[in-house]
Amino acid sequence: MKAKLLDARPLMNVCGRFGFVPDLTHYHVNPRKASLVVVQLCDDECPEDFIKVLLYLSVLSFRMIVLLSNVRRG
């Protein structure tokens, strides 16, 4: 099934909560679940270069999440 979601957060929350992270890796990546995503991508024999870029982007995204949460508290 393919869908263009305006907001993927509900899908990510449900997949994370009920253990569908492997399925989610084929749609969207949650930076906080990066280790599970990398394991699934390795199981799927994904190219190493793609995994490296994905990790780099998830680190940047996670830093942005931390920054935004600090700004909201500030």
N, C-alpha and C. Protein backbone atom coordinates (compact mmCIF):
# COMPACT_ATOMS: atom_id res chain seq x y z
N MET A 1 0.84 -1.17 0.00
CA MET A 1 0.00 0.00 0.00
C MET A 1 0.88 1.24 0.00
N LYS A 2 0.58 2.17 -0.82
CA LYS A 2 1.33 3.43 -0.87
C LYS A 2 0.38 4.57 -0.59
N ALA A 3 0.88 5.51 0.20
CA ALA A 3 0.06 6.67 0.53
C ALA A 3 0.96 7.88 0.69
N LYS A 4 0.47 9.02 0.28
CA LYS A 4 1.18 10.29 0.52
C LYS A 4 0.52 10.94 1.72
N LEU A 5 1.19 10.85 2.87
CA LEU A 5 0.64 11.41 4.09
C LEU A 5 1.12 12.85 4.26
N LEU A 6 0.23 13.72 4.67
CA LEU A 6 0.62 15.09 4.96
C LEU A 6 1.46 15.14 6.23
N ASP A 7 1.15 14.27 7.18
CA ASP A 7 1.89 14.21 8.44
C ASP A 7 2.12 12.74 8.76
N ALA A 8 3.36 12.30 8.72
CA ALA A 8 3.68 10.89 8.95
C ALA A 8 3.85 10.55 10.43
N ARG A 9 3.78 11.52 11.31
CA ARG A 9 4.01 11.25 12.73
C ARG A 9 3.05 10.22 13.31
N PRO A 10 1.76 10.25 13.01
CA PRO A 10 0.89 9.19 13.56
C PRO A 10 1.32 7.80 13.11
N LEU A 11 1.70 7.67 11.86
CA LEU A 11 2.18 6.39 11.35
C LEU A 11 3.44 5.96 12.08
N MET A 12 4.36 6.88 12.28
CA MET A 12 5.61 6.56 12.98
C MET A 12 5.34 6.14 14.42
N ASN A 13 4.43 6.84 15.09
CA ASN A 13 4.10 6.50 16.47
C ASN A 13 3.51 5.09 16.58
N VAL A 14 2.58 4.77 15.71
CA VAL A 14 1.95 3.45 15.75
C VAL A 14 2.97 2.36 15.43
N CYS A 15 3.78 2.57 14.43
CA CYS A 15 4.78 1.57 14.07
C CYS A 15 5.80 1.38 15.19
N GLY A 16 6.24 2.46 15.81
CA GLY A 16 7.18 2.35 16.91
C GLY A 16 6.57 1.66 18.11
N ARG A 17 5.33 1.95 18.40
CA ARG A 17 4.67 1.38 19.58
C ARG A 17 4.38 -0.11 19.43
N PHE A 18 4.00 -0.54 18.24
CA PHE A 18 3.57 -1.91 18.05
C PHE A 18 4.60 -2.78 17.31
N GLY A 19 5.84 -2.30 17.22
CA GLY A 19 6.91 -3.13 16.68
C GLY A 19 6.94 -3.28 15.18
N PHE A 20 6.44 -2.31 14.46
CA PHE A 20 6.48 -2.36 13.01
C PHE A 20 7.59 -1.49 12.43
N VAL A 21 8.66 -1.30 13.21
CA VAL A 21 9.77 -0.48 12.74
C VAL A 21 10.36 -1.03 11.44
N PRO A 22 10.50 -2.38 11.30
CA PRO A 22 11.02 -2.87 10.02
C PRO A 22 10.18 -2.42 8.83
N ASP A 23 8.87 -2.42 8.98
CA ASP A 23 8.00 -1.94 7.90
C ASP A 23 8.14 -0.44 7.69
N LEU A 24 8.31 0.27 8.77
CA LEU A 24 8.43 1.72 8.71
C LEU A 24 9.70 2.16 7.99
N THR A 25 10.75 1.36 8.08
CA THR A 25 12.01 1.75 7.44
C THR A 25 11.86 1.91 5.93
N HIS A 26 10.85 1.29 5.39
CA HIS A 26 10.63 1.41 3.95
C HIS A 26 9.80 2.64 3.61
N TYR A 27 9.35 3.36 4.64
CA TYR A 27 8.55 4.55 4.40
C TYR A 27 9.20 5.81 4.96
N HIS A 28 9.57 5.79 6.24
CA HIS A 28 10.08 6.98 6.90
C HIS A 28 10.99 6.57 8.04
N VAL A 29 11.88 7.44 8.43
CA VAL A 29 12.85 7.12 9.48
C VAL A 29 12.66 8.05 10.67
N ASN A 30 12.54 7.47 11.84
CA ASN A 30 12.49 8.22 13.09
C ASN A 30 13.91 8.24 13.64
N PRO A 31 14.53 9.41 13.82
CA PRO A 31 15.92 9.46 14.29
C PRO A 31 16.15 8.72 15.60
N ARG A 32 15.16 8.66 16.45
CA ARG A 32 15.32 7.97 17.73
C ARG A 32 15.34 6.45 17.59
N LYS A 33 14.94 5.95 16.46
CA LYS A 33 14.93 4.51 16.20
C LYS A 33 16.00 4.13 15.17
N ALA A 34 17.01 4.95 15.05
CA ALA A 34 18.02 4.76 14.00
C ALA A 34 18.68 3.38 14.07
N SER A 35 18.96 2.89 15.28
CA SER A 35 19.62 1.58 15.39
C SER A 35 18.74 0.47 14.82
N LEU A 36 17.44 0.51 15.10
CA LEU A 36 16.53 -0.50 14.55
C LEU A 36 16.42 -0.39 13.04
N VAL A 37 16.43 0.84 12.55
CA VAL A 37 16.35 1.07 11.12
C VAL A 37 17.59 0.51 10.42
N VAL A 38 18.76 0.78 10.99
CA VAL A 38 20.00 0.29 10.38
C VAL A 38 20.03 -1.24 10.36
N VAL A 39 19.61 -1.87 11.44
CA VAL A 39 19.56 -3.34 11.47
C VAL A 39 18.65 -3.87 10.37
N GLN A 40 17.46 -3.25 10.24
CA GLN A 40 16.53 -3.70 9.21
C GLN A 40 17.10 -3.48 7.81
N LEU A 41 17.73 -2.35 7.59
CA LEU A 41 18.33 -2.09 6.27
C LEU A 41 19.44 -3.07 5.96
N CYS A 42 20.23 -3.44 6.97
CA CYS A 42 21.27 -4.46 6.77
C CYS A 42 20.64 -5.81 6.43
N ASP A 43 19.55 -6.14 7.14
CA ASP A 43 18.83 -7.39 6.83
C ASP A 43 18.30 -7.38 5.41
N ASP A 44 17.90 -6.20 4.93
CA ASP A 44 17.39 -6.06 3.57
C ASP A 44 18.50 -5.92 2.53
N GLU A 45 19.75 -6.05 3.00
CA GLU A 45 20.93 -5.93 2.14
C GLU A 45 20.98 -4.60 1.39
N CYS A 46 20.66 -3.55 2.11
CA CYS A 46 20.71 -2.20 1.57
C CYS A 46 22.17 -1.78 1.36
N PRO A 47 22.48 -1.00 0.34
CA PRO A 47 23.86 -0.56 0.10
C PRO A 47 24.42 0.23 1.30
N GLU A 48 25.66 -0.04 1.62
CA GLU A 48 26.32 0.60 2.77
C GLU A 48 26.33 2.12 2.65
N ASP A 49 26.56 2.63 1.47
CA ASP A 49 26.58 4.09 1.28
C ASP A 49 25.24 4.73 1.65
N PHE A 50 24.15 4.07 1.30
CA PHE A 50 22.82 4.58 1.65
C PHE A 50 22.64 4.63 3.16
N ILE A 51 23.09 3.58 3.86
CA ILE A 51 22.98 3.53 5.31
C ILE A 51 23.81 4.63 5.96
N LYS A 52 25.00 4.88 5.44
CA LYS A 52 25.85 5.94 5.99
C LYS A 52 25.19 7.31 5.84
N VAL A 53 24.63 7.58 4.69
CA VAL A 53 23.95 8.86 4.47
C VAL A 53 22.74 8.97 5.39
N LEU A 54 22.00 7.91 5.51
CA LEU A 54 20.83 7.90 6.37
C LEU A 54 21.21 8.18 7.83
N LEU A 55 22.28 7.56 8.29
CA LEU A 55 22.75 7.81 9.66
C LEU A 55 23.17 9.27 9.83
N TYR A 56 23.87 9.80 8.87
CA TYR A 56 24.29 11.20 8.94
C TYR A 56 23.07 12.12 9.03
N LEU A 57 22.08 11.87 8.19
CA LEU A 57 20.88 12.70 8.19
C LEU A 57 20.08 12.53 9.48
N SER A 58 20.05 11.31 10.02
CA SER A 58 19.29 11.11 11.26
C SER A 58 19.96 11.80 12.43
N VAL A 59 21.30 11.85 12.43
CA VAL A 59 22.02 12.58 13.49
C VAL A 59 21.68 14.06 13.40
N LEU A 60 21.69 14.61 12.21
CA LEU A 60 21.33 16.01 12.03
C LEU A 60 19.89 16.26 12.48
N SER A 61 19.01 15.36 12.11
CA SER A 61 17.60 15.51 12.47
C SER A 61 17.42 15.42 13.98
N PHE A 62 18.12 14.49 14.62
CA PHE A 62 18.01 14.34 16.08
C PHE A 62 18.52 15.60 16.78
N ARG A 63 19.62 16.16 16.29
CA ARG A 63 20.13 17.40 16.87
C ARG A 63 19.11 18.52 16.74
N MET A 64 18.40 18.58 15.62
CA MET A 64 17.38 19.59 15.42
C MET A 64 16.23 19.39 16.41
N ILE A 65 15.85 18.14 16.66
CA ILE A 65 14.78 17.85 17.63
C ILE A 65 15.19 18.33 19.01
N VAL A 66 16.43 18.05 19.40
CA VAL A 66 16.92 18.49 20.71
C VAL A 66 16.94 20.01 20.78
N LEU A 67 17.41 20.65 19.73
CA LEU A 67 17.47 22.11 19.69
C LEU A 67 16.06 22.70 19.82
N LEU A 68 15.12 22.18 19.05
CA LEU A 68 13.76 22.70 19.11
C LEU A 68 13.12 22.49 20.49
N SER A 69 13.37 21.35 21.10
CA SER A 69 12.79 21.12 22.43
C SER A 69 13.40 22.06 23.46
N ASN A 70 14.69 22.38 23.31
CA ASN A 70 15.34 23.33 24.21
C ASN A 70 14.79 24.74 24.00
N VAL A 71 14.53 25.11 22.77
CA VAL A 71 13.98 26.43 22.47
C VAL A 71 12.58 26.55 23.05
N ARG A 72 11.78 25.49 22.93
CA ARG A 72 10.41 25.51 23.47
C ARG A 72 10.42 25.67 24.98
N ARG A 73 11.39 25.05 25.65
CA ARG A 73 11.47 25.15 27.12
C ARG A 73 11.98 26.52 27.56
N GLY A 74 12.87 27.10 26.73
CA GLY A 74 13.56 28.33 27.04
C GLY A 74 12.69 29.50 27.20
